[in-house]
Full PDB file with SEQRES, HELIX, SHEET, SSBOND, CRYST1, ORIGX, SCALE, CONECT and MASTER records, all heavy atoms in Angstrom:
SEQRES   1 A   30  CYS VAL ALA SER GLY ARG ASN ALA ALA ARG VAL ASP ARG          
SEQRES   2 A   30  ASP ILE GLU ARG GLY LYS LYS ALA GLY ALA GLN GLY THR          
SEQRES   3 A   30  PRO SER TYR PHE                                              
HELIX    1 AA1 ALA A    8  LYS A   20  1                                  13    
CRYST1    1.000    1.000    1.000  90.00  90.00  90.00 P 1           1          
ORIGX1      1.000000  0.000000  0.000000        0.00000                         
ORIGX2      0.000000  1.000000  0.000000        0.00000                         
ORIGX3      0.000000  0.000000  1.000000        0.00000                         
SCALE1      1.000000  0.000000  0.000000        0.00000                         
SCALE2      0.000000  1.000000  0.000000        0.00000                         
SCALE3      0.000000  0.000000  1.000000        0.00000                         
ATOM      1  N   CYS A   1     -13.685  61.620   4.402  1.00  0.00           N  
ATOM      2  CA  CYS A   1     -12.353  62.124   4.052  1.00  0.00           C  
ATOM      3  C   CYS A   1     -11.340  61.727   5.124  1.00  0.00           C  
ATOM      4  O   CYS A   1     -10.261  61.212   4.810  1.00  0.00           O  
ATOM      5  CB  CYS A   1     -12.400  63.650   3.899  1.00  0.00           C  
ATOM      6  SG  CYS A   1     -10.800  64.378   3.540  1.00  0.00           S  
ATOM      7  N   VAL A   2     -11.675  61.943   6.399  1.00  0.00           N  
ATOM      8  CA  VAL A   2     -10.749  61.592   7.481  1.00  0.00           C  
ATOM      9  C   VAL A   2     -10.502  60.083   7.525  1.00  0.00           C  
ATOM     10  O   VAL A   2      -9.361  59.638   7.628  1.00  0.00           O  
ATOM     11  CB  VAL A   2     -11.295  62.109   8.844  1.00  0.00           C  
ATOM     12  CG1 VAL A   2     -10.442  61.583  10.000  1.00  0.00           C  
ATOM     13  CG2 VAL A   2     -11.313  63.636   8.868  1.00  0.00           C  
ATOM     14  N   ALA A   3     -11.564  59.309   7.403  1.00  0.00           N  
ATOM     15  CA  ALA A   3     -11.436  57.849   7.484  1.00  0.00           C  
ATOM     16  C   ALA A   3     -10.621  57.270   6.322  1.00  0.00           C  
ATOM     17  O   ALA A   3      -9.887  56.306   6.501  1.00  0.00           O  
ATOM     18  CB  ALA A   3     -12.823  57.196   7.527  1.00  0.00           C  
ATOM     19  N   SER A   4     -10.736  57.888   5.153  1.00  0.00           N  
ATOM     20  CA  SER A   4     -10.064  57.342   3.961  1.00  0.00           C  
ATOM     21  C   SER A   4      -8.557  57.571   3.969  1.00  0.00           C  
ATOM     22  O   SER A   4      -7.818  56.822   3.358  1.00  0.00           O  
ATOM     23  CB  SER A   4     -10.633  57.960   2.692  1.00  0.00           C  
ATOM     24  OG  SER A   4     -10.185  59.299   2.559  1.00  0.00           O  
ATOM     25  N   GLY A   5      -8.107  58.616   4.639  1.00  0.00           N  
ATOM     26  CA  GLY A   5      -6.688  58.943   4.615  1.00  0.00           C  
ATOM     27  C   GLY A   5      -6.210  59.411   3.254  1.00  0.00           C  
ATOM     28  O   GLY A   5      -5.005  59.441   2.985  1.00  0.00           O  
ATOM     29  N   ARG A   6      -7.130  59.823   2.392  1.00  0.00           N  
ATOM     30  CA  ARG A   6      -6.759  60.156   1.015  1.00  0.00           C  
ATOM     31  C   ARG A   6      -5.855  61.373   0.872  1.00  0.00           C  
ATOM     32  O   ARG A   6      -5.239  61.558  -0.165  1.00  0.00           O  
ATOM     33  CB  ARG A   6      -8.016  60.294   0.145  1.00  0.00           C  
ATOM     34  CG  ARG A   6      -8.893  61.467   0.480  1.00  0.00           C  
ATOM     35  CD  ARG A   6     -10.093  61.527  -0.474  1.00  0.00           C  
ATOM     36  NE  ARG A   6     -11.015  62.552  -0.068  1.00  0.00           N  
ATOM     37  CZ  ARG A   6     -12.251  62.332   0.349  1.00  0.00           C  
ATOM     38  NH1 ARG A   6     -12.700  61.107   0.401  1.00  0.00           N  
ATOM     39  NH2 ARG A   6     -13.015  63.321   0.698  1.00  0.00           N  
ATOM     40  N   ASN A   7      -5.775  62.183   1.908  1.00  0.00           N  
ATOM     41  CA  ASN A   7      -4.876  63.342   1.818  1.00  0.00           C  
ATOM     42  C   ASN A   7      -3.514  63.081   2.424  1.00  0.00           C  
ATOM     43  O   ASN A   7      -2.657  63.953   2.433  1.00  0.00           O  
ATOM     44  CB  ASN A   7      -5.535  64.571   2.465  1.00  0.00           C  
ATOM     45  CG  ASN A   7      -6.647  65.112   1.603  1.00  0.00           C  
ATOM     46  OD1 ASN A   7      -6.440  65.383   0.423  1.00  0.00           O  
ATOM     47  ND2 ASN A   7      -7.842  65.212   2.153  1.00  0.00           N  
ATOM     48  N   ALA A   8      -3.295  61.872   2.938  1.00  0.00           N  
ATOM     49  CA  ALA A   8      -2.008  61.520   3.523  1.00  0.00           C  
ATOM     50  C   ALA A   8      -0.870  61.664   2.510  1.00  0.00           C  
ATOM     51  O   ALA A   8       0.216  62.132   2.853  1.00  0.00           O  
ATOM     52  CB  ALA A   8      -2.041  60.109   4.103  1.00  0.00           C  
ATOM     53  N   ALA A   9      -1.136  61.290   1.269  1.00  0.00           N  
ATOM     54  CA  ALA A   9      -0.108  61.408   0.228  1.00  0.00           C  
ATOM     55  C   ALA A   9       0.288  62.869   0.002  1.00  0.00           C  
ATOM     56  O   ALA A   9       1.452  63.173  -0.237  1.00  0.00           O  
ATOM     57  CB  ALA A   9      -0.578  60.770  -1.078  1.00  0.00           C  
ATOM     58  N   ARG A  10      -0.685  63.766   0.088  1.00  0.00           N  
ATOM     59  CA  ARG A  10      -0.385  65.195  -0.100  1.00  0.00           C  
ATOM     60  C   ARG A  10       0.499  65.703   1.055  1.00  0.00           C  
ATOM     61  O   ARG A  10       1.451  66.436   0.822  1.00  0.00           O  
ATOM     62  CB  ARG A  10      -1.660  66.008  -0.209  1.00  0.00           C  
ATOM     63  CG  ARG A  10      -1.353  67.464  -0.462  1.00  0.00           C  
ATOM     64  CD  ARG A  10      -2.505  68.301  -0.894  1.00  0.00           C  
ATOM     65  NE  ARG A  10      -3.649  68.205  -0.022  1.00  0.00           N  
ATOM     66  CZ  ARG A  10      -4.776  68.856  -0.228  1.00  0.00           C  
ATOM     67  NH1 ARG A  10      -4.907  69.626  -1.291  1.00  0.00           N  
ATOM     68  NH2 ARG A  10      -5.774  68.753   0.607  1.00  0.00           N  
ATOM     69  N   VAL A  11       0.202  65.272   2.279  1.00  0.00           N  
ATOM     70  CA  VAL A  11       1.023  65.675   3.421  1.00  0.00           C  
ATOM     71  C   VAL A  11       2.430  65.094   3.259  1.00  0.00           C  
ATOM     72  O   VAL A  11       3.417  65.788   3.466  1.00  0.00           O  
ATOM     73  CB  VAL A  11       0.382  65.239   4.750  1.00  0.00           C  
ATOM     74  CG1 VAL A  11       1.332  65.498   5.927  1.00  0.00           C  
ATOM     75  CG2 VAL A  11      -0.932  65.963   4.971  1.00  0.00           C  
ATOM     76  N   ASP A  12       2.520  63.814   2.841  1.00  0.00           N  
ATOM     77  CA  ASP A  12       3.843  63.200   2.610  1.00  0.00           C  
ATOM     78  C   ASP A  12       4.623  63.985   1.572  1.00  0.00           C  
ATOM     79  O   ASP A  12       5.830  64.183   1.705  1.00  0.00           O  
ATOM     80  CB  ASP A  12       3.681  61.745   2.181  1.00  0.00           C  
ATOM     81  CG  ASP A  12       3.191  60.840   3.290  1.00  0.00           C  
ATOM     82  OD1 ASP A  12       3.245  61.258   4.486  1.00  0.00           O  
ATOM     83  OD2 ASP A  12       2.719  59.730   2.988  1.00  0.00           O  
ATOM     84  N   ARG A  13       3.937  64.436   0.517  1.00  0.00           N  
ATOM     85  CA  ARG A  13       4.600  65.207  -0.539  1.00  0.00           C  
ATOM     86  C   ARG A  13       5.084  66.559   0.009  1.00  0.00           C  
ATOM     87  O   ARG A  13       6.170  67.016  -0.302  1.00  0.00           O  
ATOM     88  CB  ARG A  13       3.643  65.386  -1.728  1.00  0.00           C  
ATOM     89  CG  ARG A  13       4.292  66.001  -2.939  1.00  0.00           C  
ATOM     90  CD  ARG A  13       3.375  65.997  -4.165  1.00  0.00           C  
ATOM     91  NE  ARG A  13       2.045  66.539  -3.908  1.00  0.00           N  
ATOM     92  CZ  ARG A  13       0.905  65.830  -3.947  1.00  0.00           C  
ATOM     93  NH1 ARG A  13       0.921  64.547  -4.213  1.00  0.00           N  
ATOM     94  NH2 ARG A  13      -0.251  66.403  -3.708  1.00  0.00           N  
ATOM     95  N   ASP A  14       4.263  67.191   0.854  1.00  0.00           N  
ATOM     96  CA  ASP A  14       4.659  68.456   1.464  1.00  0.00           C  
ATOM     97  C   ASP A  14       5.920  68.270   2.306  1.00  0.00           C  
ATOM     98  O   ASP A  14       6.853  69.069   2.240  1.00  0.00           O  
ATOM     99  CB  ASP A  14       3.539  69.014   2.354  1.00  0.00           C  
ATOM    100  CG  ASP A  14       2.318  69.480   1.579  1.00  0.00           C  
ATOM    101  OD1 ASP A  14       2.388  69.549   0.323  1.00  0.00           O  
ATOM    102  OD2 ASP A  14       1.298  69.783   2.230  1.00  0.00           O  
ATOM    103  N   ILE A  15       5.950  67.200   3.087  1.00  0.00           N  
ATOM    104  CA  ILE A  15       7.118  66.925   3.935  1.00  0.00           C  
ATOM    105  C   ILE A  15       8.348  66.690   3.075  1.00  0.00           C  
ATOM    106  O   ILE A  15       9.425  67.249   3.327  1.00  0.00           O  
ATOM    107  CB  ILE A  15       6.838  65.699   4.840  1.00  0.00           C  
ATOM    108  CG1 ILE A  15       5.756  66.033   5.866  1.00  0.00           C  
ATOM    109  CG2 ILE A  15       8.121  65.257   5.546  1.00  0.00           C  
ATOM    110  CD1 ILE A  15       5.213  64.813   6.602  1.00  0.00           C  
ATOM    111  N   GLU A  16       8.200  65.881   2.035  1.00  0.00           N  
ATOM    112  CA  GLU A  16       9.335  65.551   1.157  1.00  0.00           C  
ATOM    113  C   GLU A  16       9.879  66.811   0.470  1.00  0.00           C  
ATOM    114  O   GLU A  16      11.093  67.024   0.412  1.00  0.00           O  
ATOM    115  CB  GLU A  16       8.929  64.500   0.125  1.00  0.00           C  
ATOM    116  CG  GLU A  16      10.102  63.921  -0.608  1.00  0.00           C  
ATOM    117  CD  GLU A  16      11.139  63.285   0.299  1.00  0.00           C  
ATOM    118  OE1 GLU A  16      10.796  62.676   1.311  1.00  0.00           O  
ATOM    119  OE2 GLU A  16      12.348  63.444  -0.007  1.00  0.00           O  
ATOM    120  N   ARG A  17       9.003  67.654  -0.049  1.00  0.00           N  
ATOM    121  CA  ARG A  17       9.457  68.891  -0.715  1.00  0.00           C  
ATOM    122  C   ARG A  17      10.164  69.818   0.276  1.00  0.00           C  
ATOM    123  O   ARG A  17      11.167  70.423  -0.042  1.00  0.00           O  
ATOM    124  CB  ARG A  17       8.299  69.606  -1.365  1.00  0.00           C  
ATOM    125  CG  ARG A  17       7.719  68.841  -2.538  1.00  0.00           C  
ATOM    126  CD  ARG A  17       7.438  69.764  -3.688  1.00  0.00           C  
ATOM    127  NE  ARG A  17       6.588  69.084  -4.642  1.00  0.00           N  
ATOM    128  CZ  ARG A  17       7.032  68.505  -5.738  1.00  0.00           C  
ATOM    129  NH1 ARG A  17       8.316  68.520  -6.013  1.00  0.00           N  
ATOM    130  NH2 ARG A  17       6.209  67.922  -6.568  1.00  0.00           N  
ATOM    131  N   GLY A  18       9.596  69.938   1.475  1.00  0.00           N  
ATOM    132  CA  GLY A  18      10.232  70.781   2.491  1.00  0.00           C  
ATOM    133  C   GLY A  18      11.614  70.267   2.864  1.00  0.00           C  
ATOM    134  O   GLY A  18      12.576  71.039   2.947  1.00  0.00           O  
ATOM    135  N   LYS A  19      11.733  68.959   3.064  1.00  0.00           N  
ATOM    136  CA  LYS A  19      13.038  68.355   3.402  1.00  0.00           C  
ATOM    137  C   LYS A  19      14.032  68.531   2.265  1.00  0.00           C  
ATOM    138  O   LYS A  19      15.208  68.829   2.498  1.00  0.00           O  
ATOM    139  CB  LYS A  19      12.870  66.871   3.713  1.00  0.00           C  
ATOM    140  CG  LYS A  19      12.279  66.575   5.058  1.00  0.00           C  
ATOM    141  CD  LYS A  19      12.192  65.067   5.267  1.00  0.00           C  
ATOM    142  CE  LYS A  19      11.625  64.726   6.614  1.00  0.00           C  
ATOM    143  NZ  LYS A  19      11.501  63.262   6.781  1.00  0.00           N  
ATOM    144  N   LYS A  20      13.552  68.336   1.038  1.00  0.00           N  
ATOM    145  CA  LYS A  20      14.437  68.465  -0.116  1.00  0.00           C  
ATOM    146  C   LYS A  20      15.018  69.885  -0.213  1.00  0.00           C  
ATOM    147  O   LYS A  20      16.164  70.066  -0.618  1.00  0.00           O  
ATOM    148  CB  LYS A  20      13.671  68.126  -1.397  1.00  0.00           C  
ATOM    149  CG  LYS A  20      14.531  68.046  -2.622  1.00  0.00           C  
ATOM    150  CD  LYS A  20      13.719  67.600  -3.821  1.00  0.00           C  
ATOM    151  CE  LYS A  20      14.603  67.551  -5.062  1.00  0.00           C  
ATOM    152  NZ  LYS A  20      13.850  67.138  -6.248  1.00  0.00           N  
ATOM    153  N   ALA A  21      14.228  70.856   0.214  1.00  0.00           N  
ATOM    154  CA  ALA A  21      14.709  72.235   0.198  1.00  0.00           C  
ATOM    155  C   ALA A  21      15.540  72.563   1.430  1.00  0.00           C  
ATOM    156  O   ALA A  21      16.091  73.659   1.540  1.00  0.00           O  
ATOM    157  CB  ALA A  21      13.535  73.199   0.069  1.00  0.00           C  
ATOM    158  N   GLY A  22      15.625  71.620   2.385  1.00  0.00           N  
ATOM    159  CA  GLY A  22      16.492  71.833   3.539  1.00  0.00           C  
ATOM    160  C   GLY A  22      15.779  72.134   4.844  1.00  0.00           C  
ATOM    161  O   GLY A  22      16.429  72.251   5.870  1.00  0.00           O  
ATOM    162  N   ALA A  23      14.474  72.260   4.837  1.00  0.00           N  
ATOM    163  CA  ALA A  23      13.760  72.549   6.079  1.00  0.00           C  
ATOM    164  C   ALA A  23      13.841  71.341   6.987  1.00  0.00           C  
ATOM    165  O   ALA A  23      13.722  70.201   6.531  1.00  0.00           O  
ATOM    166  CB  ALA A  23      12.308  72.908   5.787  1.00  0.00           C  
ATOM    167  N   GLN A  24      14.061  71.593   8.278  1.00  0.00           N  
ATOM    168  CA  GLN A  24      14.164  70.504   9.237  1.00  0.00           C  
ATOM    169  C   GLN A  24      13.216  70.666  10.413  1.00  0.00           C  
ATOM    170  O   GLN A  24      13.170  69.811  11.285  1.00  0.00           O  
ATOM    171  CB  GLN A  24      15.590  70.383   9.751  1.00  0.00           C  
ATOM    172  CG  GLN A  24      16.561  69.983   8.672  1.00  0.00           C  
ATOM    173  CD  GLN A  24      17.951  69.789   9.220  1.00  0.00           C  
ATOM    174  OE1 GLN A  24      18.245  70.112  10.362  1.00  0.00           O  
ATOM    175  NE2 GLN A  24      18.810  69.234   8.401  1.00  0.00           N  
ATOM    176  N   GLY A  25      12.510  71.753  10.482  1.00  0.00           N  
ATOM    177  CA  GLY A  25      11.613  71.972  11.606  1.00  0.00           C  
ATOM    178  C   GLY A  25      10.557  73.001  11.253  1.00  0.00           C  
ATOM    179  O   GLY A  25      10.535  73.529  10.147  1.00  0.00           O  
ATOM    180  N   THR A  26       9.710  73.228  12.227  1.00  0.00           N  
ATOM    181  CA  THR A  26       8.630  74.201  12.036  1.00  0.00           C  
ATOM    182  C   THR A  26       8.688  75.248  13.120  1.00  0.00           C  
ATOM    183  O   THR A  26       9.173  74.965  14.218  1.00  0.00           O  
ATOM    184  CB  THR A  26       7.256  73.495  12.081  1.00  0.00           C  
ATOM    185  OG1 THR A  26       7.123  72.843  13.340  1.00  0.00           O  
ATOM    186  CG2 THR A  26       7.079  72.541  10.941  1.00  0.00           C  
ATOM    187  N   PRO A  27       8.217  76.426  12.820  1.00  0.00           N  
ATOM    188  CA  PRO A  27       7.803  76.850  11.489  1.00  0.00           C  
ATOM    189  C   PRO A  27       9.019  77.192  10.627  1.00  0.00           C  
ATOM    190  O   PRO A  27      10.044  77.662  11.108  1.00  0.00           O  
ATOM    191  CB  PRO A  27       6.975  78.106  11.754  1.00  0.00           C  
ATOM    192  CG  PRO A  27       7.531  78.685  13.026  1.00  0.00           C  
ATOM    193  CD  PRO A  27       8.008  77.479  13.833  1.00  0.00           C  
ATOM    194  N   SER A  28       8.877  76.904   9.365  1.00  0.00           N  
ATOM    195  CA  SER A  28       9.849  77.315   8.356  1.00  0.00           C  
ATOM    196  C   SER A  28       9.066  77.984   7.228  1.00  0.00           C  
ATOM    197  O   SER A  28       7.870  77.745   7.090  1.00  0.00           O  
ATOM    198  CB  SER A  28      10.602  76.113   7.766  1.00  0.00           C  
ATOM    199  OG  SER A  28      11.409  75.512   8.736  1.00  0.00           O  
ATOM    200  N   TYR A  29       9.730  78.794   6.465  1.00  0.00           N  
ATOM    201  CA  TYR A  29       9.039  79.434   5.357  1.00  0.00           C  
ATOM    202  C   TYR A  29      10.021  79.744   4.241  1.00  0.00           C  
ATOM    203  O   TYR A  29      11.232  79.772   4.437  1.00  0.00           O  
ATOM    204  CB  TYR A  29       8.304  80.702   5.808  1.00  0.00           C  
ATOM    205  CG  TYR A  29       9.215  81.758   6.390  1.00  0.00           C  
ATOM    206  CD1 TYR A  29       9.769  82.734   5.586  1.00  0.00           C  
ATOM    207  CD2 TYR A  29       9.502  81.791   7.745  1.00  0.00           C  
ATOM    208  CE1 TYR A  29      10.606  83.696   6.103  1.00  0.00           C  
ATOM    209  CE2 TYR A  29      10.338  82.745   8.278  1.00  0.00           C  
ATOM    210  CZ  TYR A  29      10.895  83.702   7.457  1.00  0.00           C  
ATOM    211  OH  TYR A  29      11.737  84.655   7.976  1.00  0.00           O  
ATOM    212  N   PHE A  30       9.465  79.929   3.079  1.00  0.00           N  
ATOM    213  CA  PHE A  30      10.235  80.357   1.901  1.00  0.00           C  
ATOM    214  C   PHE A  30       9.574  81.622   1.395  1.00  0.00           C  
ATOM    215  O   PHE A  30       8.400  81.604   0.996  1.00  0.00           O  
ATOM    216  CB  PHE A  30      10.247  79.246   0.830  1.00  0.00           C  
ATOM    217  CG  PHE A  30      11.020  78.051   1.259  1.00  0.00           C  
ATOM    218  CD1 PHE A  30      10.411  77.037   1.983  1.00  0.00           C  
ATOM    219  CD2 PHE A  30      12.375  77.951   0.958  1.00  0.00           C  
ATOM    220  CE1 PHE A  30      11.142  75.935   2.405  1.00  0.00           C  
ATOM    221  CE2 PHE A  30      13.102  76.838   1.384  1.00  0.00           C  
ATOM    222  CZ  PHE A  30      12.478  75.845   2.099  1.00  0.00           C  
TER     223      PHE A  30                                                      
MASTER        0    0    0    1    0    0    0    6  222    1    0    3          
END                                                                             
């Protein structure tokens, strides 16, 4: 799992959704 990087897209999606909602740093929450 770690070698494949197959979850990188999920992390990228998490970042994109957070940014789209206006989050710019951590920790942030909704």
